[in-house]
Protein backbone atom coordinates (compact mmCIF):
# COMPACT_ATOMS: atom_id res chain seq x y z
CA MET A 1 0.20 0.05 0.08
CA ALA A 2 1.43 3.35 -1.09
CA THR A 3 1.05 6.14 1.59
CA ARG A 4 -0.53 9.77 0.53
CA HIS A 5 1.79 12.76 -0.79
CA GLU A 6 0.86 16.18 -1.35
CA PRO A 7 -0.19 16.76 -5.19
CA PHE A 8 2.63 18.70 -7.14
CA ASP A 9 1.96 21.79 -8.50
CA ARG A 10 4.12 23.66 -11.21
CA SER A 11 6.37 25.12 -8.13
CA SER A 12 6.85 21.45 -6.68
CA ALA A 13 7.26 19.99 -9.85
CA THR A 14 9.80 21.79 -11.65
CA PRO A 15 13.71 20.54 -11.08
CA GLY A 16 16.08 23.43 -10.43
CA PRO A 17 19.46 23.76 -9.06
CA THR A 18 18.00 22.33 -5.43
CA ARG A 19 15.37 20.18 -6.87
CA ARG A 20 16.21 17.10 -9.18
CA ALA A 21 14.22 14.27 -10.51
CA TRP A 22 14.49 11.04 -12.38
CA GLY A 23 12.28 8.94 -13.89
CA ALA A 24 11.48 5.52 -15.19
CA LEU A 25 9.65 5.53 -18.76
CA THR A 26 7.94 2.65 -20.75
CA SER A 27 9.14 2.25 -24.36
CA THR A 28 6.68 4.35 -25.47
CA GLY A 29 7.86 7.24 -23.34
CA ARG A 30 5.00 6.99 -20.58
CA LEU A 31 6.46 8.28 -16.88
CA VAL A 32 5.48 5.27 -14.63
CA GLY A 33 8.21 5.95 -11.84
CA LEU A 34 9.60 8.97 -10.43
CA THR A 35 11.91 10.30 -7.77
CA VAL A 36 12.17 13.70 -6.72
CA VAL A 37 15.17 14.76 -4.38
CA ASP A 38 16.13 17.99 -2.52
CA LEU A 39 19.42 19.21 -2.58
CA ASP A 40 21.04 21.47 0.48
CA GLY A 41 24.53 21.67 0.12
CA PRO A 42 26.34 18.05 0.40
CA THR A 43 23.04 16.67 1.64
CA ALA A 44 20.05 15.46 -0.81
CA GLU A 45 16.74 14.42 0.82
CA THR A 46 14.18 12.46 -1.09
CA ASP A 47 10.73 14.08 -1.11
CA VAL A 48 8.83 11.68 -3.05
CA THR A 49 9.31 8.07 -5.02
CA VAL A 50 6.31 7.12 -6.63
CA VAL A 51 5.39 4.07 -9.24
CA HIS A 52 2.23 3.65 -11.36
CA PRO A 53 0.12 1.02 -9.57
CA ASP A 54 0.51 -1.06 -12.86
CA HIS A 55 4.17 -0.96 -12.79
CA ARG A 56 4.94 -2.11 -9.06
CA GLY A 57 6.81 -4.79 -7.91
CA ARG A 58 9.26 -4.74 -10.83
CA GLY A 59 12.19 -2.39 -8.81
CA LEU A 60 11.03 0.88 -10.16
CA ALA A 61 11.29 2.62 -7.23
CA ALA A 62 14.91 1.10 -6.24
CA ALA A 63 16.00 2.07 -10.08
CA VAL A 64 15.10 5.59 -9.73
CA LYS A 65 16.39 6.04 -6.58
CA ALA A 66 19.79 4.43 -7.55
CA ALA A 67 19.86 6.57 -10.40
CA SER A 68 19.48 9.63 -8.21
CA VAL A 69 22.10 8.52 -5.64
CA LEU A 70 24.66 7.49 -8.39
CA ALA A 71 24.36 10.92 -10.16
CA LEU A 72 24.30 12.87 -7.14
CA LEU A 73 27.37 11.30 -5.90
CA ASP A 74 29.33 12.15 -9.08
CA ALA A 75 28.05 15.74 -8.46
CA GLY A 76 29.60 15.66 -4.86
CA VAL A 77 26.46 15.08 -2.66
CA LEU A 78 28.13 13.01 0.39
CA ARG A 79 24.85 12.66 2.50
CA PHE A 80 21.49 11.17 1.50
CA ARG A 81 18.40 11.08 3.33
CA THR A 82 14.83 9.38 2.57
CA GLY A 83 11.50 8.60 4.14
CA GLY A 84 9.32 5.44 4.05
CA SER A 85 6.26 4.44 5.55
CA ALA A 86 6.23 1.25 7.57
CA ASP A 87 2.61 1.16 6.06
CA ASN A 88 4.46 1.06 2.59
CA PRO A 89 6.86 -2.27 3.04
CA ALA A 90 7.88 -2.02 -0.44
CA ILE A 91 9.67 1.22 -0.23
CA VAL A 92 11.28 0.31 2.95
CA ALA A 93 12.71 -2.71 1.19
CA ALA A 94 13.70 -0.67 -1.40
CA ASN A 95 15.70 1.71 0.90
CA ALA A 96 17.12 -0.79 2.47
CA THR A 97 18.36 -2.92 -0.80
CA LEU A 98 20.09 1.08 -1.81
CA GLY A 99 21.52 0.75 1.87
CA TYR A 100 19.60 3.04 3.80
CA VAL A 101 19.47 2.64 7.41
CA VAL A 102 16.53 3.58 9.82
CA ASP A 103 17.69 6.48 11.77
CA GLU A 104 14.75 7.87 13.37
CA GLY A 105 11.11 6.93 13.61
CA TRP A 106 7.62 8.72 13.48
CA LEU A 107 4.78 8.02 15.05
CA THR A 108 0.98 8.97 14.39
CA LEU A 109 -1.57 9.10 17.15
CA VAL A 110 -5.22 9.09 16.40
CA ALA A 111 -7.86 9.73 18.86
CA PRO A 112 -10.22 7.30 19.56
CA THR A 113 -13.90 7.19 17.89
CA PRO A 114 -16.48 7.91 20.80
């Protein structure tokens, strides 16, 4: 199950010097996987990684994240951060495959229903 992310607007969808994106395309050029990374000096933080539901389970999330890491290493980035909800075991597994380690956790509290 994928978790939700705020929809992109023109600003958040536009790559630039501090916001980069990598995609996975079909043979017809259709975008089916995407990772977006924000840069702050030598640190990169993945904002979002998404894969179209029809193309999940093929390693595309790991592939686009790996492409971002390799390209940014070549550009001098030294530290990489990413997130991943425990409700989304596919992205947690992709992150682990790429060598990310959990260094903090978040809890979501929900009020009981009356």
